[in-house]
Amino acid sequence: MLRDSCSCAFRFPAAVIVSTGDSFVFSVLKVFTSRYFVAPALAGLGIAAGVLIFLYVFPGTPKIGVIDIPFTVITEQSAYVIGEYLNYARRDDSIKAVVIKLESPGGGAAASERLYVETKKLREEKPVVIVMDGLVASGGYMMSMGASHTVAQTSSIVGNVGVVAFAGPLVEPFPSEEVIVSGPFKFGGSTRREWIGTVDLLKSAFAKIVITERGDKLILTEDELTQGRIYVGLEAARLGLVDEIGGESDGFEKAADLAGISGYGLVDVNLEVLKKFVQDFEEVFPSEAVSERDLADAMALLSTNNGEGIASRESLPGGANEESDMIQALQGLMLHGRLNTNQEDPPPDFPLELNNRPHIYYMYVGNAR
């Protein structure tokens, strides 16, 4: 009996401990499962999840990139700069749509085609709306064919689909006896008749781009389209050359609608590319080596040219000194993809100047400024 009593006496505290432990666990579970705890906990988790979704799925205000192309003749140089704008807008994930304010009479055939391709590439990733200013003709109009949507003003001048070519004289000068050629067309490339056929082929290719991009909206036949006419905005919209008549605000509304965004901000793509350009320049030249005046002069010189897009040494501030060399290098950096097209040191006694090559343009030359 005494053993049993002792046994019970020793077991009793353990039972009490177990009972007390169970009570504690049950109490904790009761607290964690009560509505006073569950509701705030779920609310907190919901808020945390919402913050994470906002940060990772919606990282900030959606933006529309703005590219401003004032009256610009499309050359290799200007196409390079515009191409940089397009590439920046394509690479920046915060930019959900792009509005391009465009005015151009066109320009070089290859450069115009490049801008059409680059605009179309941008369109494949995000909506692109082109708002046409006073004149968007020939190669400028070709570029606009790469957009998702085109907006023209009532008085805009649009169209001029066609080709202008300068193929040299009617009769090519025959090389002297010192020059040996390997074939009948090695010297001139082709006959004048063949050049006319090339122009006609390029005209048809231009027309096919317009017909393909405009689709059922276009009511002009290919023959009518390739007559090279220009149309005011109202008529261009009626004929299907552009999508609508409107202004800049209409372009932004359409871009936002195509991107499915609202409450958007704007990004000045021209400025962002220029800032990147300045950063690249500062990496090339130490900041202490170039004064603020030098940099300001350099920015002004970006639009100065001698017919080929590069400022002459004499036009640089300070003349031919070390600082002007830096500024010239700055401009070269901006156009780093440009090859020199001037023949400064031709081969001795060569019968032709190398820059007297055929020129082909998609350009409106009637009343271009």
Protein backbone atom coordinates (compact mmCIF):
# COMPACT_ATOMS: atom_id res chain seq x y z
CA MET A 1 0.00 0.00 0.00
CA LEU A 2 2.77 2.34 0.90
CA ARG A 3 4.47 1.56 -2.44
CA ASP A 4 1.28 2.31 -4.32
CA SER A 5 0.79 5.51 -2.39
CA CYS A 6 4.31 6.54 -3.16
CA SER A 7 3.87 5.58 -6.75
CA CYS A 8 0.74 7.68 -6.96
CA ALA A 9 2.44 10.49 -5.14
CA PHE A 10 5.25 10.52 -7.67
CA ARG A 11 2.93 10.19 -10.64
CA PHE A 12 0.67 13.03 -9.57
CA PRO A 13 3.04 15.90 -10.33
CA ALA A 14 3.76 14.47 -13.77
CA ALA A 15 0.08 14.30 -14.49
CA VAL A 16 -0.27 17.83 -13.30
CA ILE A 17 2.59 18.91 -15.58
CA VAL A 18 1.12 17.15 -18.59
CA SER A 19 -2.26 18.57 -17.84
CA THR A 20 -0.79 22.03 -17.42
CA GLY A 21 1.21 21.69 -20.67
CA ASP A 22 -1.84 20.59 -22.60
CA SER A 23 -3.77 23.49 -21.24
CA PHE A 24 -1.06 25.88 -22.36
CA VAL A 25 -0.98 24.42 -25.86
CA PHE A 26 -4.74 24.47 -26.09
CA SER A 27 -4.77 28.05 -24.87
CA VAL A 28 -2.20 29.10 -27.47
CA LEU A 29 -4.10 27.32 -30.24
CA LYS A 30 -7.29 28.92 -29.07
CA VAL A 31 -5.70 32.36 -29.28
CA PHE A 32 -4.19 31.76 -32.74
CA THR A 33 -7.46 30.41 -34.09
CA SER A 34 -9.66 33.09 -32.60
CA ARG A 35 -11.17 35.71 -34.91
CA TYR A 36 -9.37 38.42 -32.99
CA PHE A 37 -6.05 37.08 -34.23
CA VAL A 38 -6.94 35.51 -37.58
CA ALA A 39 -8.59 38.58 -39.07
CA PRO A 40 -5.68 40.99 -38.41
CA ALA A 41 -3.15 38.33 -39.45
CA LEU A 42 -4.89 37.73 -42.77
CA ALA A 43 -5.20 41.45 -43.31
CA GLY A 44 -1.48 41.86 -42.68
CA LEU A 45 -0.63 39.05 -45.07
CA GLY A 46 -2.90 40.59 -47.69
CA ILE A 47 -1.23 43.96 -47.36
CA ALA A 48 2.23 42.37 -47.58
CA ALA A 49 1.23 40.38 -50.66
CA GLY A 50 -0.23 43.51 -52.24
CA VAL A 51 2.97 45.43 -51.65
CA LEU A 52 5.05 42.64 -53.17
CA ILE A 53 2.79 42.40 -56.20
CA PHE A 54 2.91 46.18 -56.67
CA LEU A 55 6.68 46.28 -56.38
CA TYR A 56 7.42 43.33 -58.64
CA VAL A 57 4.50 43.30 -61.05
CA PHE A 58 3.72 47.02 -61.20
CA PRO A 59 7.06 48.72 -60.50
CA GLY A 60 5.96 52.36 -60.59
CA THR A 61 3.81 54.54 -62.79
CA PRO A 62 3.55 53.33 -66.40
CA LYS A 63 5.26 55.68 -68.82
CA ILE A 64 4.87 56.80 -72.40
CA GLY A 65 8.10 57.65 -74.18
CA VAL A 66 8.10 60.83 -76.27
CA ILE A 67 10.44 61.15 -79.25
CA ASP A 68 10.53 64.57 -80.88
CA ILE A 69 11.81 64.71 -84.46
CA PRO A 70 11.51 68.30 -85.72
CA PHE A 71 11.97 69.04 -89.41
CA THR A 72 14.71 66.57 -90.32
CA VAL A 73 16.16 65.40 -93.61
CA ILE A 74 16.92 61.71 -93.18
CA THR A 75 20.62 61.10 -93.69
CA GLU A 76 22.91 58.42 -92.33
CA GLN A 77 23.74 60.78 -89.46
CA SER A 78 20.19 61.75 -88.52
CA ALA A 79 19.02 58.14 -88.96
CA TYR A 80 21.69 57.05 -86.50
CA VAL A 81 20.49 59.53 -83.86
CA ILE A 82 16.81 58.69 -84.40
CA GLY A 83 17.72 55.01 -84.27
CA GLU A 84 19.29 55.61 -80.85
CA TYR A 85 16.01 57.15 -79.67
CA LEU A 86 14.05 54.14 -80.92
CA ASN A 87 16.45 51.65 -79.35
CA TYR A 88 16.33 53.43 -75.99
CA ALA A 89 12.52 53.35 -75.98
CA ARG A 90 12.57 49.66 -76.91
CA ARG A 91 15.03 48.68 -74.17
CA ASP A 92 13.44 50.67 -71.33
CA ASP A 93 10.88 48.34 -69.72
CA SER A 94 9.21 51.20 -67.84
CA ILE A 95 8.12 52.68 -71.19
CA LYS A 96 4.89 50.95 -72.17
CA ALA A 97 4.13 52.93 -75.35
CA VAL A 98 5.85 55.50 -77.55
CA VAL A 99 4.64 58.68 -79.23
CA ILE A 100 6.82 60.04 -82.04
CA LYS A 101 6.29 63.65 -83.13
CA LEU A 102 7.56 63.63 -86.70
CA GLU A 103 8.21 66.12 -89.49
CA SER A 104 10.43 65.10 -92.39
CA PRO A 105 10.53 65.36 -96.19
CA GLY A 106 12.41 62.05 -96.28
CA GLY A 107 15.97 61.61 -97.40
CA GLY A 108 18.38 58.87 -98.36
CA ALA A 109 16.79 55.61 -99.45
CA ALA A 110 18.85 53.29 -97.24
CA ALA A 111 18.55 55.56 -94.19
CA SER A 112 14.76 55.87 -94.63
CA GLU A 113 14.37 52.12 -94.95
CA ARG A 114 16.44 51.65 -91.80
CA LEU A 115 14.12 53.91 -89.80
CA TYR A 116 11.06 52.04 -91.11
CA VAL A 117 12.60 48.74 -89.98
CA GLU A 118 13.64 50.14 -86.56
CA THR A 119 10.20 51.67 -85.96
CA LYS A 120 8.53 48.39 -86.89
CA LYS A 121 10.85 46.51 -84.52
CA LEU A 122 9.81 48.86 -81.72
CA ARG A 123 6.15 48.35 -82.64
CA GLU A 124 6.53 44.60 -82.20
CA GLU A 125 7.33 45.13 -78.50
CA LYS A 126 5.15 48.11 -77.55
CA PRO A 127 2.60 50.40 -79.25
CA VAL A 128 4.03 53.21 -81.38
CA VAL A 129 1.93 56.21 -82.40
CA ILE A 130 3.31 58.75 -84.87
CA VAL A 131 1.87 62.25 -84.71
CA MET A 132 2.56 64.01 -88.01
CA ASP A 133 3.45 67.68 -88.00
CA GLY A 134 3.58 69.90 -91.07
CA LEU A 135 5.29 67.63 -93.60
CA VAL A 136 5.75 63.86 -93.52
CA ALA A 137 6.64 62.80 -97.04
CA SER A 138 8.51 60.14 -98.96
CA GLY A 139 11.13 58.57 -96.65
CA GLY A 140 9.51 60.24 -93.63
CA TYR A 141 6.20 58.68 -94.64
CA MET A 142 7.98 55.33 -95.10
CA MET A 143 9.22 55.55 -91.51
CA SER A 144 5.65 56.17 -90.31
CA MET A 145 4.58 52.88 -91.88
CA GLY A 146 6.40 51.12 -89.04
CA ALA A 147 4.04 52.60 -86.43
CA SER A 148 1.01 50.99 -84.82
CA HIS A 149 -1.12 54.10 -85.46
CA THR A 150 -0.70 57.39 -87.33
CA VAL A 151 -2.28 60.74 -86.50
CA ALA A 152 -2.14 63.67 -88.94
CA GLN A 153 -3.25 67.22 -88.47
CA THR A 154 -5.81 68.73 -90.82
CA SER A 155 -3.14 70.73 -92.64
CA SER A 156 -0.35 68.14 -92.57
CA ILE A 157 1.22 67.30 -95.92
CA VAL A 158 1.49 63.54 -96.36
CA GLY A 159 2.54 61.05 -99.03
CA ASN A 160 4.90 61.55 -101.98
CA VAL A 161 5.56 57.83 -102.36
CA GLY A 162 8.35 57.42 -104.89
CA VAL A 163 12.06 57.63 -105.68
CA VAL A 164 14.48 60.34 -106.77
CA ALA A 165 17.80 59.18 -108.22
CA PHE A 166 20.92 60.89 -109.51
CA ALA A 167 22.73 58.35 -111.62
CA GLY A 168 25.33 60.51 -113.28
CA PRO A 169 25.63 61.87 -116.84
CA LEU A 170 23.81 60.39 -119.80
CA VAL A 171 27.09 59.24 -121.30
CA GLU A 172 29.66 57.96 -118.81
CA PRO A 173 33.21 59.25 -119.37
CA PHE A 174 35.39 56.45 -120.65
CA PRO A 175 38.50 55.76 -118.55
CA SER A 176 41.88 56.61 -119.95
CA GLU A 177 44.31 54.01 -121.26
CA GLU A 178 45.96 53.77 -117.85
CA VAL A 179 42.78 52.35 -116.30
CA ILE A 180 42.00 48.68 -116.92
CA VAL A 181 38.55 47.36 -116.09
CA SER A 182 37.48 43.72 -115.78
CA GLY A 183 34.04 44.05 -117.37
CA PRO A 184 31.91 46.40 -119.47
CA PHE A 185 30.00 47.75 -116.44
CA LYS A 186 32.78 47.67 -113.84
CA PHE A 187 33.43 51.35 -114.40
CA GLY A 188 29.87 52.71 -114.36
CA GLY A 189 27.96 49.89 -112.66
CA SER A 190 25.23 49.64 -115.28
CA THR A 191 23.66 51.40 -118.23
CA ARG A 192 21.37 54.39 -117.77
CA ARG A 193 18.42 52.26 -118.90
CA GLU A 194 19.22 49.76 -116.16
CA TRP A 195 19.33 52.56 -113.59
CA ILE A 196 15.86 53.63 -114.66
CA GLY A 197 14.73 50.03 -114.14
CA THR A 198 16.30 50.04 -110.67
CA VAL A 199 14.40 53.20 -109.74
CA ASP A 200 11.17 51.60 -110.93
CA LEU A 201 11.91 48.49 -108.86
CA LEU A 202 12.52 50.60 -105.73
CA LYS A 203 9.33 52.55 -106.38
CA SER A 204 7.33 49.31 -106.44
CA ALA A 205 9.03 48.10 -103.26
CA PHE A 206 8.09 51.37 -101.50
CA ALA A 207 4.51 50.99 -102.67
CA LYS A 208 4.36 47.39 -101.43
CA ILE A 209 5.39 48.56 -97.95
CA VAL A 210 2.55 51.10 -97.89
CA ILE A 211 0.00 48.65 -99.29
CA THR A 212 1.00 45.94 -96.81
CA GLU A 213 1.03 48.22 -93.76
CA ARG A 214 -2.16 50.12 -94.56
CA GLY A 215 -4.10 47.03 -95.62
CA ASP A 216 -7.81 47.49 -96.26
CA LYS A 217 -7.70 51.08 -95.01
CA LEU A 218 -5.93 52.18 -98.20
CA ILE A 219 -8.28 52.94 -101.08
CA LEU A 220 -5.62 54.04 -103.58
CA THR A 221 -4.40 51.64 -106.25
CA GLU A 222 -0.68 51.01 -106.64
CA ASP A 223 -0.60 53.13 -109.80
CA GLU A 224 -2.30 56.02 -108.01
CA LEU A 225 -0.06 55.63 -104.98
CA THR A 226 3.18 55.72 -106.97
CA GLN A 227 2.36 58.91 -108.86
CA GLY A 228 4.17 60.70 -106.05
CA ARG A 229 1.32 62.98 -105.03
CA ILE A 230 1.11 64.71 -101.67
CA TYR A 231 -2.14 65.06 -99.76
CA VAL A 232 -3.30 67.33 -96.95
CA GLY A 233 -4.18 65.55 -93.71
CA LEU A 234 -7.95 65.44 -94.27
CA GLU A 235 -7.55 63.86 -97.69
CA ALA A 236 -4.81 61.52 -96.47
CA ALA A 237 -7.18 60.20 -93.80
CA ARG A 238 -9.99 59.77 -96.34
CA LEU A 239 -7.70 57.83 -98.67
CA GLY A 240 -6.36 55.64 -95.87
CA LEU A 241 -2.81 56.98 -95.86
CA VAL A 242 -3.15 57.81 -92.14
CA ASP A 243 -5.40 56.48 -89.39
CA GLU A 244 -7.01 59.64 -88.02
CA ILE A 245 -7.03 63.40 -87.87
CA GLY A 246 -5.96 64.83 -84.54
CA GLY A 247 -3.17 66.33 -82.52
CA GLU A 248 -0.60 65.48 -79.95
CA SER A 249 -3.10 64.82 -77.15
CA ASP A 250 -4.96 62.37 -79.39
CA GLY A 251 -1.69 60.57 -79.99
CA PHE A 252 -1.08 60.15 -76.25
CA GLU A 253 -4.63 58.92 -75.64
CA LYS A 254 -4.31 56.38 -78.45
CA ALA A 255 -0.91 55.18 -77.21
CA ALA A 256 -2.27 54.70 -73.68
CA ASP A 257 -5.32 52.88 -75.03
CA LEU A 258 -3.21 50.52 -77.16
CA ALA A 259 -0.93 49.81 -74.19
CA GLY A 260 -3.88 49.35 -71.80
CA ILE A 261 -2.54 51.88 -69.29
CA SER A 262 -3.87 54.93 -67.45
CA GLY A 263 -2.42 57.47 -65.05
CA TYR A 264 0.79 57.38 -67.05
CA GLY A 265 3.86 59.62 -66.90
CA LEU A 266 5.97 60.89 -69.79
CA VAL A 267 9.62 60.21 -70.59
CA ASP A 268 11.53 62.64 -72.81
CA VAL A 269 13.51 60.06 -74.79
CA ASN A 270 15.57 62.73 -76.57
CA LEU A 271 16.78 64.04 -73.22
CA GLU A 272 17.46 60.59 -71.78
CA VAL A 273 19.59 59.63 -74.77
CA LEU A 274 21.46 62.93 -74.53
CA LYS A 275 22.11 62.32 -70.81
CA LYS A 276 23.51 58.89 -71.63
CA PHE A 277 25.62 60.46 -74.34
CA VAL A 278 27.06 62.98 -71.84
CA GLN A 279 27.81 60.15 -69.42
CA ASP A 280 29.69 58.32 -72.17
CA PHE A 281 31.60 61.51 -72.92
CA GLU A 282 32.57 61.96 -69.27
CA GLU A 283 33.93 58.42 -69.27
CA VAL A 284 36.11 59.24 -72.27
CA PHE A 285 37.28 62.65 -71.05
CA PRO A 286 37.96 63.44 -67.35
CA SER A 287 35.52 66.03 -66.01
CA GLU A 288 38.35 68.36 -64.99
CA ALA A 289 39.66 68.42 -68.56
CA VAL A 290 36.49 69.92 -70.06
CA SER A 291 34.81 73.08 -68.86
CA GLU A 292 31.05 73.68 -68.76
CA ARG A 293 31.49 76.10 -71.64
CA ASP A 294 33.11 73.40 -73.74
CA LEU A 295 30.23 71.04 -73.06
CA ALA A 296 27.62 73.70 -73.86
CA ASP A 297 29.42 74.56 -77.10
CA ALA A 298 29.57 70.87 -77.94
CA MET A 299 25.83 70.45 -77.47
CA ALA A 300 25.20 73.40 -79.78
CA LEU A 301 27.52 71.91 -82.37
CA LEU A 302 25.54 68.68 -82.56
CA SER A 303 23.24 70.46 -85.03
CA THR A 304 26.08 72.25 -86.87
CA ASN A 305 27.41 70.69 -90.03
CA ASN A 306 29.29 71.38 -93.20
CA GLY A 307 27.00 69.33 -95.40
CA GLU A 308 28.19 65.99 -94.07
CA GLY A 309 27.05 66.24 -90.46
CA ILE A 310 30.43 66.92 -88.83
CA ALA A 311 31.46 70.44 -87.89
CA SER A 312 34.60 71.72 -89.55
CA ARG A 313 37.62 72.40 -87.35
CA GLU A 314 37.39 76.13 -88.10
CA SER A 315 33.80 76.29 -86.80
CA LEU A 316 34.74 74.85 -83.41
CA PRO A 317 35.19 77.21 -80.47
CA GLY A 318 38.79 78.23 -80.08
CA GLY A 319 39.81 76.96 -83.50
CA ALA A 320 42.31 74.15 -83.92
CA ASN A 321 43.34 73.72 -80.29
CA GLU A 322 43.18 70.94 -77.74
CA GLU A 323 39.73 71.90 -76.44
CA SER A 324 38.23 71.98 -79.94
CA ASP A 325 39.75 68.55 -80.56
CA MET A 326 37.83 67.28 -77.53
CA ILE A 327 34.60 68.82 -78.78
CA GLN A 328 35.13 67.32 -82.21
CA ALA A 329 35.71 63.97 -80.54
CA LEU A 330 32.47 64.51 -78.63
CA GLN A 331 30.56 64.98 -81.84
CA GLY A 332 32.27 61.95 -83.30
CA LEU A 333 31.15 59.96 -80.28
CA MET A 334 27.57 60.97 -80.92
CA LEU A 335 27.91 59.67 -84.47
CA HIS A 336 30.23 56.79 -83.73
CA GLY A 337 28.56 54.61 -86.34
CA ARG A 338 29.26 57.09 -89.13
CA LEU A 339 31.86 56.38 -91.81
CA ASN A 340 33.67 59.22 -93.51
CA THR A 341 32.13 59.80 -96.96
CA ASN A 342 34.41 62.67 -98.00
CA GLN A 343 37.20 61.93 -100.40
CA GLU A 344 39.96 64.00 -98.83
CA ASP A 345 42.92 62.16 -100.33
CA PRO A 346 41.97 60.45 -103.61
CA PRO A 347 44.35 58.08 -105.34
CA PRO A 348 46.73 60.02 -107.63
CA ASP A 349 45.58 60.49 -111.24
CA PHE A 350 42.42 58.47 -110.69
CA PRO A 351 39.93 59.48 -113.41
CA LEU A 352 36.83 59.79 -111.15
CA GLU A 353 36.09 61.26 -107.75
CA LEU A 354 34.99 58.41 -105.54
CA ASN A 355 32.13 60.43 -104.04
CA ASN A 356 30.51 60.91 -107.46
CA ARG A 357 28.42 57.81 -106.92
CA PRO A 358 24.74 57.30 -107.73
CA HIS A 359 22.41 58.77 -105.13
CA ILE A 360 18.93 57.38 -104.49
CA TYR A 361 16.45 59.20 -102.27
CA TYR A 362 12.97 58.76 -100.91
CA MET A 363 12.53 62.49 -100.62
CA TYR A 364 10.03 65.23 -101.35
CA VAL A 365 12.02 67.99 -103.07
CA GLY A 366 9.21 70.20 -104.38
CA ASN A 367 9.00 72.77 -101.63
CA ALA A 368 11.24 71.29 -98.96
CA ARG A 369 12.78 73.91 -96.72
